[in-house]
Every structure is written in C-alpha cells, then in structure tokens.
Amino acid sequence: MEGYCVVLITAPTQEGEKIAQEIVSRKLGACVNVVPEVNSIYWWKGNIERDKESLLVVKTSVGKLRELIDSVKELHSYTVPEIVALPIVAGNEDYLKWIEESLS
C-alpha cells in the first residue's frame, strides 16, 4: 500500500454509526471513531448554518481513499458531505501494520 491517512467525515447524528459500520464492513477503514456530537457552524447557500453532527475519524490507506469517498457519498444524506483526508506522516509501526492487515 502507498501510505495511510486519517479521514474526517461529518454526518447527521442519526447517520454516523450506520456510515461507520459500513466503512468497516466494506474494509474501507480499519477503525472509525465516532464522536457522537459536535457543533458545526458553516456556510450553506449564502447563509450561516448551525447543526449538531457526528464526527467520524477513519484510519485507512491512501489506496482505499477513492473507494471510501465514493461509498460515503452513496451512503450519506448530504448533497456535499465533508470528507477530508489528512496524511499520516509518522506513527506506531505496529498500528500502521494493523491498519494494512485490517484492510486486506
């Protein structure tokens, strides 16, 4: 595999667990932490909006990223879901190996 990343995804609170379960079931993420509620303030269609959302923190490989994005867009109710990947530049080698093994 060509490296690892952490992917941040926000979702309506009622959808977060379902999306996380699908990500792991499809082997698109080795682990998904679900932060049940964050307060989000954002621009949407010219207005400042406020919502309570779940935050999903996905650990995956760069090689799985495109499929992960496509799957989340399929599962998600938002027109433009937040899906942001950050590279893992260093980490516990045993944990990174576990990510790779979990995605196989």
PDB file of N, CA and C in Angstrom:
ATOM      1  N   MET A   1       0.846  -1.182   0.000  1.00  0.00           N
ATOM      2  CA  MET A   1       0.000   0.000   0.000  1.00  0.00           C
ATOM      3  C   MET A   1       0.887   1.240   0.000  1.00  0.00           C
ATOM      4  N   GLU A   2       0.307   2.344  -0.383  1.00  0.00           N
ATOM      5  CA  GLU A   2       1.080   3.543  -0.607  1.00  0.00           C
ATOM      6  C   GLU A   2       0.969   4.587   0.491  1.00  0.00           C
ATOM      7  N   GLY A   3       0.793   4.197   1.724  1.00  0.00           N
ATOM      8  CA  GLY A   3       0.691   5.138   2.824  1.00  0.00           C
ATOM      9  C   GLY A   3      -0.679   5.085   3.472  1.00  0.00           C
ATOM     10  N   TYR A   4      -0.802   5.869   4.527  1.00  0.00           N
ATOM     11  CA  TYR A   4      -2.015   5.849   5.340  1.00  0.00           C
ATOM     12  C   TYR A   4      -2.520   7.255   5.541  1.00  0.00           C
ATOM     13  N   CYS A   5      -3.803   7.368   5.891  1.00  0.00           N
ATOM     14  CA  CYS A   5      -4.392   8.668   6.144  1.00  0.00           C
ATOM     15  C   CYS A   5      -5.501   8.554   7.186  1.00  0.00           C
ATOM     16  N   VAL A   6      -5.817   9.697   7.757  1.00  0.00           N
ATOM     17  CA  VAL A   6      -6.964   9.854   8.646  1.00  0.00           C
ATOM     18  C   VAL A   6      -7.988  10.653   7.861  1.00  0.00           C
ATOM     19  N   VAL A   7      -9.208  10.163   7.810  1.00  0.00           N
ATOM     20  CA  VAL A   7     -10.263  10.829   7.053  1.00  0.00           C
ATOM     21  C   VAL A   7     -11.310  11.329   8.046  1.00  0.00           C
ATOM     22  N   LEU A   8     -11.625  12.610   7.937  1.00  0.00           N
ATOM     23  CA  LEU A   8     -12.651  13.228   8.787  1.00  0.00           C
ATOM     24  C   LEU A   8     -13.930  13.355   7.977  1.00  0.00           C
ATOM     25  N   ILE A   9     -15.020  12.881   8.560  1.00  0.00           N
ATOM     26  CA  ILE A   9     -16.328  12.925   7.906  1.00  0.00           C
ATOM     27  C   ILE A   9     -17.344  13.416   8.931  1.00  0.00           C
ATOM     28  N   THR A  10     -18.148  14.393   8.551  1.00  0.00           N
ATOM     29  CA  THR A  10     -19.263  14.771   9.414  1.00  0.00           C
ATOM     30  C   THR A  10     -20.541  14.216   8.810  1.00  0.00           C
ATOM     31  N   ALA A  11     -21.497  13.904   9.680  1.00  0.00           N
ATOM     32  CA  ALA A  11     -22.769  13.319   9.245  1.00  0.00           C
ATOM     33  C   ALA A  11     -23.848  13.696  10.252  1.00  0.00           C
ATOM     34  N   PRO A  12     -25.103  13.678   9.827  1.00  0.00           N
ATOM     35  CA  PRO A  12     -26.176  13.862  10.801  1.00  0.00           C
ATOM     36  C   PRO A  12     -26.015  12.837  11.927  1.00  0.00           C
ATOM     37  N   THR A  13     -26.322  13.229  13.142  1.00  0.00           N
ATOM     38  CA  THR A  13     -26.088  12.349  14.293  1.00  0.00           C
ATOM     39  C   THR A  13     -26.756  10.995  14.137  1.00  0.00           C
ATOM     40  N   GLN A  14     -27.908  10.943  13.488  1.00  0.00           N
ATOM     41  CA  GLN A  14     -28.605   9.663  13.325  1.00  0.00           C
ATOM     42  C   GLN A  14     -27.956   8.778  12.258  1.00  0.00           C
ATOM     43  N   GLU A  15     -27.042   9.309  11.439  1.00  0.00           N
ATOM     44  CA  GLU A  15     -26.403   8.539  10.372  1.00  0.00           C
ATOM     45  C   GLU A  15     -24.988   8.073  10.707  1.00  0.00           C
ATOM     46  N   GLY A  16     -24.345   8.718  11.661  1.00  0.00           N
ATOM     47  CA  GLY A  16     -22.929   8.472  11.915  1.00  0.00           C
ATOM     48  C   GLY A  16     -22.567   7.021  12.165  1.00  0.00           C
ATOM     49  N   GLU A  17     -23.289   6.360  13.057  1.00  0.00           N
ATOM     50  CA  GLU A  17     -22.994   4.962  13.394  1.00  0.00           C
ATOM     51  C   GLU A  17     -23.185   4.046  12.185  1.00  0.00           C
ATOM     52  N   LYS A  18     -24.229   4.274  11.418  1.00  0.00           N
ATOM     53  CA  LYS A  18     -24.507   3.438  10.246  1.00  0.00           C
ATOM     54  C   LYS A  18     -23.391   3.572   9.211  1.00  0.00           C
ATOM     55  N   ILE A  19     -22.974   4.788   8.930  1.00  0.00           N
ATOM     56  CA  ILE A  19     -21.894   5.012   7.965  1.00  0.00           C
ATOM     57  C   ILE A  19     -20.605   4.377   8.466  1.00  0.00           C
ATOM     58  N   ALA A  20     -20.302   4.541   9.753  1.00  0.00           N
ATOM     59  CA  ALA A  20     -19.088   3.953  10.330  1.00  0.00           C
ATOM     60  C   ALA A  20     -19.104   2.432  10.193  1.00  0.00           C
ATOM     61  N   GLN A  21     -20.221   1.816  10.484  1.00  0.00           N
ATOM     62  CA  GLN A  21     -20.356   0.361  10.385  1.00  0.00           C
ATOM     63  C   GLN A  21     -20.110  -0.100   8.945  1.00  0.00           C
ATOM     64  N   GLU A  22     -20.669   0.606   7.988  1.00  0.00           N
ATOM     65  CA  GLU A  22     -20.487   0.247   6.577  1.00  0.00           C
ATOM     66  C   GLU A  22     -19.033   0.401   6.142  1.00  0.00           C
ATOM     67  N   ILE A  23     -18.376   1.459   6.594  1.00  0.00           N
ATOM     68  CA  ILE A  23     -16.962   1.675   6.246  1.00  0.00           C
ATOM     69  C   ILE A  23     -16.119   0.495   6.706  1.00  0.00           C
ATOM     70  N   VAL A  24     -16.314   0.063   7.946  1.00  0.00           N
ATOM     71  CA  VAL A  24     -15.529  -1.056   8.479  1.00  0.00           C
ATOM     72  C   VAL A  24     -15.941  -2.367   7.813  1.00  0.00           C
ATOM     73  N   SER A  25     -17.234  -2.587   7.633  1.00  0.00           N
ATOM     74  CA  SER A  25     -17.720  -3.820   6.995  1.00  0.00           C
ATOM     75  C   SER A  25     -17.171  -3.990   5.586  1.00  0.00           C
ATOM     76  N   ARG A  26     -17.067  -2.886   4.860  1.00  0.00           N
ATOM     77  CA  ARG A  26     -16.565  -2.927   3.484  1.00  0.00           C
ATOM     78  C   ARG A  26     -15.030  -2.916   3.411  1.00  0.00           C
ATOM     79  N   LYS A  27     -14.374  -2.917   4.576  1.00  0.00           N
ATOM     80  CA  LYS A  27     -12.909  -2.872   4.667  1.00  0.00           C
ATOM     81  C   LYS A  27     -12.325  -1.639   3.988  1.00  0.00           C
ATOM     82  N   LEU A  28     -13.027  -0.527   4.143  1.00  0.00           N
ATOM     83  CA  LEU A  28     -12.540   0.751   3.622  1.00  0.00           C
ATOM     84  C   LEU A  28     -11.853   1.556   4.707  1.00  0.00           C
ATOM     85  N   GLY A  29     -12.040   1.151   5.939  1.00  0.00           N
ATOM     86  CA  GLY A  29     -11.369   1.751   7.087  1.00  0.00           C
ATOM     87  C   GLY A  29     -11.099   0.666   8.099  1.00  0.00           C
ATOM     88  N   ALA A  30      -9.907   0.690   8.704  1.00  0.00           N
ATOM     89  CA  ALA A  30      -9.569  -0.299   9.723  1.00  0.00           C
ATOM     90  C   ALA A  30     -10.295   0.004  11.027  1.00  0.00           C
ATOM     91  N   CYS A  31     -10.524   1.290  11.277  1.00  0.00           N
ATOM     92  CA  CYS A  31     -11.163   1.736  12.514  1.00  0.00           C
ATOM     93  C   CYS A  31     -11.861   3.051  12.232  1.00  0.00           C
ATOM     94  N   VAL A  32     -13.034   3.223  12.813  1.00  0.00           N
ATOM     95  CA  VAL A  32     -13.731   4.502  12.748  1.00  0.00           C
ATOM     96  C   VAL A  32     -14.106   4.895  14.168  1.00  0.00           C
ATOM     97  N   ASN A  33     -13.582   6.030  14.617  1.00  0.00           N
ATOM     98  CA  ASN A  33     -14.012   6.594  15.893  1.00  0.00           C
ATOM     99  C   ASN A  33     -15.221   7.473  15.605  1.00  0.00           C
ATOM    100  N   VAL A  34     -16.271   7.302  16.359  1.00  0.00           N
ATOM    101  CA  VAL A  34     -17.474   8.116  16.192  1.00  0.00           C
ATOM    102  C   VAL A  34     -17.578   9.051  17.388  1.00  0.00           C
ATOM    103  N   VAL A  35     -17.398  10.331  17.130  1.00  0.00           N
ATOM    104  CA  VAL A  35     -17.628  11.351  18.146  1.00  0.00           C
ATOM    105  C   VAL A  35     -19.101  11.704  17.983  1.00  0.00           C
ATOM    106  N   PRO A  36     -19.936  11.334  18.962  1.00  0.00           N
ATOM    107  CA  PRO A  36     -21.383  11.383  18.753  1.00  0.00           C
ATOM    108  C   PRO A  36     -21.955  12.763  18.447  1.00  0.00           C
ATOM    109  N   GLU A  37     -21.346  13.821  18.974  1.00  0.00           N
ATOM    110  CA  GLU A  37     -21.951  15.122  18.727  1.00  0.00           C
ATOM    111  C   GLU A  37     -20.907  16.224  18.744  1.00  0.00           C
ATOM    112  N   VAL A  38     -20.843  16.943  17.632  1.00  0.00           N
ATOM    113  CA  VAL A  38     -20.045  18.163  17.534  1.00  0.00           C
ATOM    114  C   VAL A  38     -20.977  19.264  17.049  1.00  0.00           C
ATOM    115  N   ASN A  39     -20.685  20.489  17.438  1.00  0.00           N
ATOM    116  CA  ASN A  39     -21.447  21.632  16.963  1.00  0.00           C
ATOM    117  C   ASN A  39     -20.749  22.176  15.727  1.00  0.00           C
ATOM    118  N   SER A  40     -21.439  22.193  14.609  1.00  0.00           N
ATOM    119  CA  SER A  40     -20.866  22.664  13.355  1.00  0.00           C
ATOM    120  C   SER A  40     -21.515  23.982  12.950  1.00  0.00           C
ATOM    121  N   ILE A  41     -20.685  24.928  12.559  1.00  0.00           N
ATOM    122  CA  ILE A  41     -21.138  26.224  12.054  1.00  0.00           C
ATOM    123  C   ILE A  41     -20.487  26.383  10.689  1.00  0.00           C
ATOM    124  N   TYR A  42     -21.309  26.605   9.652  1.00  0.00           N
ATOM    125  CA  TYR A  42     -20.772  26.584   8.294  1.00  0.00           C
ATOM    126  C   TYR A  42     -21.645  27.409   7.346  1.00  0.00           C
ATOM    127  N   TRP A  43     -21.045  27.751   6.197  1.00  0.00           N
ATOM    128  CA  TRP A  43     -21.787  28.421   5.142  1.00  0.00           C
ATOM    129  C   TRP A  43     -22.501  27.391   4.293  1.00  0.00           C
ATOM    130  N   TRP A  44     -23.775  27.640   3.984  1.00  0.00           N
ATOM    131  CA  TRP A  44     -24.506  26.808   3.043  1.00  0.00           C
ATOM    132  C   TRP A  44     -25.517  27.677   2.315  1.00  0.00           C
ATOM    133  N   LYS A  45     -25.373  27.758   1.001  1.00  0.00           N
ATOM    134  CA  LYS A  45     -26.276  28.517   0.133  1.00  0.00           C
ATOM    135  C   LYS A  45     -26.444  29.958   0.603  1.00  0.00           C
ATOM    136  N   GLY A  46     -25.317  30.596   0.934  1.00  0.00           N
ATOM    137  CA  GLY A  46     -25.317  32.005   1.303  1.00  0.00           C
ATOM    138  C   GLY A  46     -25.704  32.312   2.736  1.00  0.00           C
ATOM    139  N   ASN A  47     -25.967  31.306   3.537  1.00  0.00           N
ATOM    140  CA  ASN A  47     -26.359  31.511   4.939  1.00  0.00           C
ATOM    141  C   ASN A  47     -25.399  30.799   5.882  1.00  0.00           C
ATOM    142  N   ILE A  48     -25.256  31.339   7.065  1.00  0.00           N
ATOM    143  CA  ILE A  48     -24.506  30.642   8.109  1.00  0.00           C
ATOM    144  C   ILE A  48     -25.476  29.688   8.792  1.00  0.00           C
ATOM    145  N   GLU A  49     -25.120  28.426   8.797  1.00  0.00           N
ATOM    146  CA  GLU A  49     -25.955  27.377   9.393  1.00  0.00           C
ATOM    147  C   GLU A  49     -25.292  26.842  10.647  1.00  0.00           C
ATOM    148  N   ARG A  50     -26.090  26.266  11.532  1.00  0.00           N
ATOM    149  CA  ARG A  50     -25.607  25.615  12.750  1.00  0.00           C
ATOM    150  C   ARG A  50     -26.313  24.272  12.874  1.00  0.00           C
ATOM    151  N   ASP A  51     -25.514  23.223  13.116  1.00  0.00           N
ATOM    152  CA  ASP A  51     -26.085  21.889  13.269  1.00  0.00           C
ATOM    153  C   ASP A  51     -25.282  21.098  14.278  1.00  0.00           C
ATOM    154  N   LYS A  52     -25.935  20.124  14.868  1.00  0.00           N
ATOM    155  CA  LYS A  52     -25.245  19.115  15.658  1.00  0.00           C
ATOM    156  C   LYS A  52     -25.017  17.935  14.720  1.00  0.00           C
ATOM    157  N   GLU A  53     -23.775  17.469  14.656  1.00  0.00           N
ATOM    158  CA  GLU A  53     -23.416  16.378  13.761  1.00  0.00           C
ATOM    159  C   GLU A  53     -22.544  15.381  14.503  1.00  0.00           C
ATOM    160  N   SER A  54     -22.403  14.183  13.925  1.00  0.00           N
ATOM    161  CA  SER A  54     -21.405  13.223  14.386  1.00  0.00           C
ATOM    162  C   SER A  54     -20.142  13.468  13.580  1.00  0.00           C
ATOM    163  N   LEU A  55     -18.993  13.249  14.219  1.00  0.00           N
ATOM    164  CA  LEU A  55     -17.705  13.331  13.545  1.00  0.00           C
ATOM    165  C   LEU A  55     -17.123  11.930  13.475  1.00  0.00           C
ATOM    166  N   LEU A  56     -16.841  11.461  12.260  1.00  0.00           N
ATOM    167  CA  LEU A  56     -16.223  10.162  12.058  1.00  0.00           C
ATOM    168  C   LEU A  56     -14.745  10.382  11.770  1.00  0.00           C
ATOM    169  N   VAL A  57     -13.896   9.644  12.470  1.00  0.00           N
ATOM    170  CA  VAL A  57     -12.448   9.706  12.285  1.00  0.00           C
ATOM    171  C   VAL A  57     -12.023   8.325  11.799  1.00  0.00           C
ATOM    172  N   VAL A  58     -11.700   8.237  10.511  1.00  0.00           N
ATOM    173  CA  VAL A  58     -11.429   6.963   9.847  1.00  0.00           C
ATOM    174  C   VAL A  58      -9.922   6.805   9.647  1.00  0.00           C
ATOM    175  N   LYS A  59      -9.384   5.637  10.003  1.00  0.00           N
ATOM    176  CA  LYS A  59      -7.998   5.309   9.703  1.00  0.00           C
ATOM    177  C   LYS A  59      -8.001   4.331   8.543  1.00  0.00           C
ATOM    178  N   THR A  60      -7.317   4.708   7.451  1.00  0.00           N
ATOM    179  CA  THR A  60      -7.338   3.894   6.246  1.00  0.00           C
ATOM    180  C   THR A  60      -6.045   4.064   5.472  1.00  0.00           C
ATOM    181  N   SER A  61      -5.977   3.406   4.323  1.00  0.00           N
ATOM    182  CA  SER A  61      -4.811   3.544   3.444  1.00  0.00           C
ATOM    183  C   SER A  61      -5.141   4.511   2.312  1.00  0.00           C
ATOM    184  N   VAL A  62      -4.114   5.114   1.764  1.00  0.00           N
ATOM    185  CA  VAL A  62      -4.299   6.004   0.623  1.00  0.00           C
ATOM    186  C   VAL A  62      -4.903   5.217  -0.542  1.00  0.00           C
ATOM    187  N   GLY A  63      -4.538   3.952  -0.670  1.00  0.00           N
ATOM    188  CA  GLY A  63      -5.068   3.122  -1.739  1.00  0.00           C
ATOM    189  C   GLY A  63      -6.569   2.878  -1.658  1.00  0.00           C
ATOM    190  N   LYS A  64      -7.156   2.988  -0.478  1.00  0.00           N
ATOM    191  CA  LYS A  64      -8.599   2.779  -0.294  1.00  0.00           C
ATOM    192  C   LYS A  64      -9.395   4.090  -0.343  1.00  0.00           C
ATOM    193  N   LEU A  65      -8.698   5.221  -0.439  1.00  0.00           N
ATOM    194  CA  LEU A  65      -9.346   6.519  -0.271  1.00  0.00           C
ATOM    195  C   LEU A  65     -10.433   6.785  -1.306  1.00  0.00           C
ATOM    196  N   ARG A  66     -10.174   6.555  -2.583  1.00  0.00           N
ATOM    197  CA  ARG A  66     -11.176   6.838  -3.629  1.00  0.00           C
ATOM    198  C   ARG A  66     -12.438   6.023  -3.390  1.00  0.00           C
ATOM    199  N   GLU A  67     -12.282   4.736  -3.080  1.00  0.00           N
ATOM    200  CA  GLU A  67     -13.448   3.882  -2.838  1.00  0.00           C
ATOM    201  C   GLU A  67     -14.197   4.322  -1.578  1.00  0.00           C
ATOM    202  N   LEU A  68     -13.454   4.746  -0.561  1.00  0.00           N
ATOM    203  CA  LEU A  68     -14.076   5.252   0.671  1.00  0.00           C
ATOM    204  C   LEU A  68     -14.921   6.484   0.361  1.00  0.00           C
ATOM    205  N   ILE A  69     -14.355   7.430  -0.373  1.00  0.00           N
ATOM    206  CA  ILE A  69     -15.095   8.656  -0.717  1.00  0.00           C
ATOM    207  C   ILE A  69     -16.363   8.310  -1.494  1.00  0.00           C
ATOM    208  N   ASP A  70     -16.236   7.454  -2.499  1.00  0.00           N
ATOM    209  CA  ASP A  70     -17.407   7.078  -3.302  1.00  0.00           C
ATOM    210  C   ASP A  70     -18.478   6.398  -2.453  1.00  0.00           C
ATOM    211  N   SER A  71     -18.069   5.520  -1.538  1.00  0.00           N
ATOM    212  CA  SER A  71     -19.035   4.819  -0.678  1.00  0.00           C
ATOM    213  C   SER A  71     -19.728   5.769   0.280  1.00  0.00           C
ATOM    214  N   VAL A  72     -18.971   6.686   0.873  1.00  0.00           N
ATOM    215  CA  VAL A  72     -19.583   7.642   1.806  1.00  0.00           C
ATOM    216  C   VAL A  72     -20.582   8.519   1.064  1.00  0.00           C
ATOM    217  N   LYS A  73     -20.242   8.966  -0.133  1.00  0.00           N
ATOM    218  CA  LYS A  73     -21.176   9.782  -0.907  1.00  0.00           C
ATOM    219  C   LYS A  73     -22.453   9.013  -1.226  1.00  0.00           C
ATOM    220  N   GLU A  74     -22.339   7.714  -1.447  1.00  0.00           N
ATOM    221  CA  GLU A  74     -23.508   6.861  -1.710  1.00  0.00           C
ATOM    222  C   GLU A  74     -24.374   6.710  -0.450  1.00  0.00           C
ATOM    223  N   LEU A  75     -23.753   6.570   0.713  1.00  0.00           N
ATOM    224  CA  LEU A  75     -24.464   6.314   1.966  1.00  0.00           C
ATOM    225  C   LEU A  75     -25.012   7.579   2.630  1.00  0.00           C
ATOM    226  N   HIS A  76     -24.412   8.711   2.359  1.00  0.00           N
ATOM    227  CA  HIS A  76     -24.637   9.961   3.084  1.00  0.00           C
ATOM    228  C   HIS A  76     -25.865  10.692   2.562  1.00  0.00           C
ATOM    229  N   SER A  77     -26.588  11.356   3.442  1.00  0.00           N
ATOM    230  CA  SER A  77     -27.777  12.103   3.020  1.00  0.00           C
ATOM    231  C   SER A  77     -27.460  13.517   2.542  1.00  0.00           C
ATOM    232  N   TYR A  78     -26.265  14.043   2.841  1.00  0.00           N
ATOM    233  CA  TYR A  78     -25.932  15.408   2.420  1.00  0.00           C
ATOM    234  C   TYR A  78     -25.624  15.458   0.930  1.00  0.00           C
ATOM    235  N   THR A  79     -25.961  16.569   0.297  1.00  0.00           N
ATOM    236  CA  THR A  79     -25.612  16.813  -1.095  1.00  0.00           C
ATOM    237  C   THR A  79     -24.097  16.911  -1.258  1.00  0.00           C
ATOM    238  N   VAL A  80     -23.444  17.589  -0.308  1.00  0.00           N
ATOM    239  CA  VAL A  80     -21.995  17.792  -0.336  1.00  0.00           C
ATOM    240  C   VAL A  80     -21.429  17.389   1.028  1.00  0.00           C
ATOM    241  N   PRO A  81     -21.218  16.083   1.255  1.00  0.00           N
ATOM    242  CA  PRO A  81     -20.697  15.664   2.560  1.00  0.00           C
ATOM    243  C   PRO A  81     -19.238  16.071   2.749  1.00  0.00           C
ATOM    244  N   GLU A  82     -18.892  16.402   3.985  1.00  0.00           N
ATOM    245  CA  GLU A  82     -17.490  16.682   4.322  1.00  0.00           C
ATOM    246  C   GLU A  82     -16.738  15.362   4.383  1.00  0.00           C
ATOM    247  N   ILE A  83     -15.728  15.232   3.549  1.00  0.00           N
ATOM    248  CA  ILE A  83     -14.839  14.070   3.546  1.00  0.00           C
ATOM    249  C   ILE A  83     -13.448  14.649   3.293  1.00  0.00           C
ATOM    250  N   VAL A  84     -12.625  14.728   4.330  1.00  0.00           N
ATOM    251  CA  VAL A  84     -11.319  15.361   4.231  1.00  0.00           C
ATOM    252  C   VAL A  84     -10.263  14.380   4.715  1.00  0.00           C
ATOM    253  N   ALA A  85      -9.257  14.117   3.872  1.00  0.00           N
ATOM    254  CA  ALA A  85      -8.193  13.172   4.226  1.00  0.00           C
ATOM    255  C   ALA A  85      -6.922  13.919   4.598  1.00  0.00           C
ATOM    256  N   LEU A  86      -6.310  13.471   5.680  1.00  0.00           N
ATOM    257  CA  LEU A  86      -5.038  14.025   6.144  1.00  0.00           C
ATOM    258  C   LEU A  86      -4.017  12.904   6.161  1.00  0.00           C
ATOM    259  N   PRO A  87      -2.821  13.123   5.593  1.00  0.00           N
ATOM    260  CA  PRO A  87      -1.835  12.047   5.567  1.00  0.00           C
ATOM    261  C   PRO A  87      -1.298  11.746   6.963  1.00  0.00           C
ATOM    262  N   ILE A  88      -1.026  10.491   7.200  1.00  0.00           N
ATOM    263  CA  ILE A  88      -0.314  10.087   8.421  1.00  0.00           C
ATOM    264  C   ILE A  88       1.158  10.093   8.044  1.00  0.00           C
ATOM    265  N   VAL A  89       1.918  11.004   8.609  1.00  0.00           N
ATOM    266  CA  VAL A  89       3.327  11.134   8.247  1.00  0.00           C
ATOM    267  C   VAL A  89       4.234  10.277   9.116  1.00  0.00           C
ATOM    268  N   ALA A  90       3.750   9.882  10.275  1.00  0.00           N
ATOM    269  CA  ALA A  90       4.514   9.014  11.173  1.00  0.00           C
ATOM    270  C   ALA A  90       3.544   8.406  12.163  1.00  0.00           C
ATOM    271  N   GLY A  91       3.953   7.284  12.772  1.00  0.00           N
ATOM    272  CA  GLY A  91       3.100   6.656  13.771  1.00  0.00           C
ATOM    273  C   GLY A  91       3.702   5.364  14.270  1.00  0.00           C
ATOM    274  N   ASN A  92       3.014   4.747  15.187  1.00  0.00           N
ATOM    275  CA  ASN A  92       3.411   3.459  15.733  1.00  0.00           C
ATOM    276  C   ASN A  92       3.398   2.446  14.588  1.00  0.00           C
ATOM    277  N   GLU A  93       4.555   1.914  14.249  1.00  0.00           N
ATOM    278  CA  GLU A  93       4.663   0.982  13.123  1.00  0.00           C
ATOM    279  C   GLU A  93       3.738  -0.220  13.289  1.00  0.00           C
ATOM    280  N   ASP A  94       3.574  -0.713  14.517  1.00  0.00           N
ATOM    281  CA  ASP A  94       2.671  -1.843  14.752  1.00  0.00           C
ATOM    282  C   ASP A  94       1.234  -1.472  14.418  1.00  0.00           C
ATOM    283  N   TYR A  95       0.835  -0.243  14.766  1.00  0.00           N
ATOM    284  CA  TYR A  95      -0.523   0.215  14.466  1.00  0.00           C
ATOM    285  C   TYR A  95      -0.717   0.368  12.960  1.00  0.00           C
ATOM    286  N   LEU A  96       0.259   0.940  12.277  1.00  0.00           N
ATOM    287  CA  LEU A  96       0.155   1.110  10.830  1.00  0.00           C
ATOM    288  C   LEU A  96       0.092  -0.244  10.126  1.00  0.00           C
ATOM    289  N   LYS A  97       0.844  -1.214  10.618  1.00  0.00           N
ATOM    290  CA  LYS A  97       0.787  -2.568  10.065  1.00  0.00           C
ATOM    291  C   LYS A  97      -0.605  -3.163  10.296  1.00  0.00           C
ATOM    292  N   TRP A  98      -1.174  -2.913  11.475  1.00  0.00           N
ATOM    293  CA  TRP A  98      -2.521  -3.399  11.781  1.00  0.00           C
ATOM    294  C   TRP A  98      -3.546  -2.799  10.821  1.00  0.00           C
ATOM    295  N   ILE A  99      -3.407  -1.504  10.498  1.00  0.00           N
ATOM    296  CA  ILE A  99      -4.317  -0.882   9.528  1.00  0.00           C
ATOM    297  C   ILE A  99      -4.249  -1.660   8.212  1.00  0.00           C
ATOM    298  N   GLU A 100      -3.036  -1.891   7.716  1.00  0.00           N
ATOM    299  CA  GLU A 100      -2.875  -2.578   6.446  1.00  0.00           C
ATOM    300  C   GLU A 100      -3.484  -3.969   6.490  1.00  0.00           C
ATOM    301  N   GLU A 101      -3.220  -4.719   7.567  1.00  0.00           N
ATOM    302  CA  GLU A 101      -3.759  -6.082   7.694  1.00  0.00           C
ATOM    303  C   GLU A 101      -5.282  -6.065   7.768  1.00  0.00           C
ATOM    304  N   SER A 102      -5.845  -5.078   8.448  1.00  0.00           N
ATOM    305  CA  SER A 102      -7.301  -4.996   8.610  1.00  0.00           C
ATOM    306  C   SER A 102      -8.022  -4.679   7.308  1.00  0.00           C
ATOM    307  N   LEU A 103      -7.346  -4.036   6.391  1.00  0.00           N
ATOM    308  CA  LEU A 103      -7.959  -3.646   5.122  1.00  0.00           C
ATOM    309  C   LEU A 103      -7.822  -4.712   4.050  1.00  0.00           C
ATOM    310  N   SER A 104      -7.085  -5.788   4.358  1.00  0.00           N
ATOM    311  CA  SER A 104      -6.855  -6.845   3.365  1.00  0.00           C
ATOM    312  C   SER A 104      -8.042  -7.782   3.282  1.00  0.00           C
TER     313      SER A 104
END
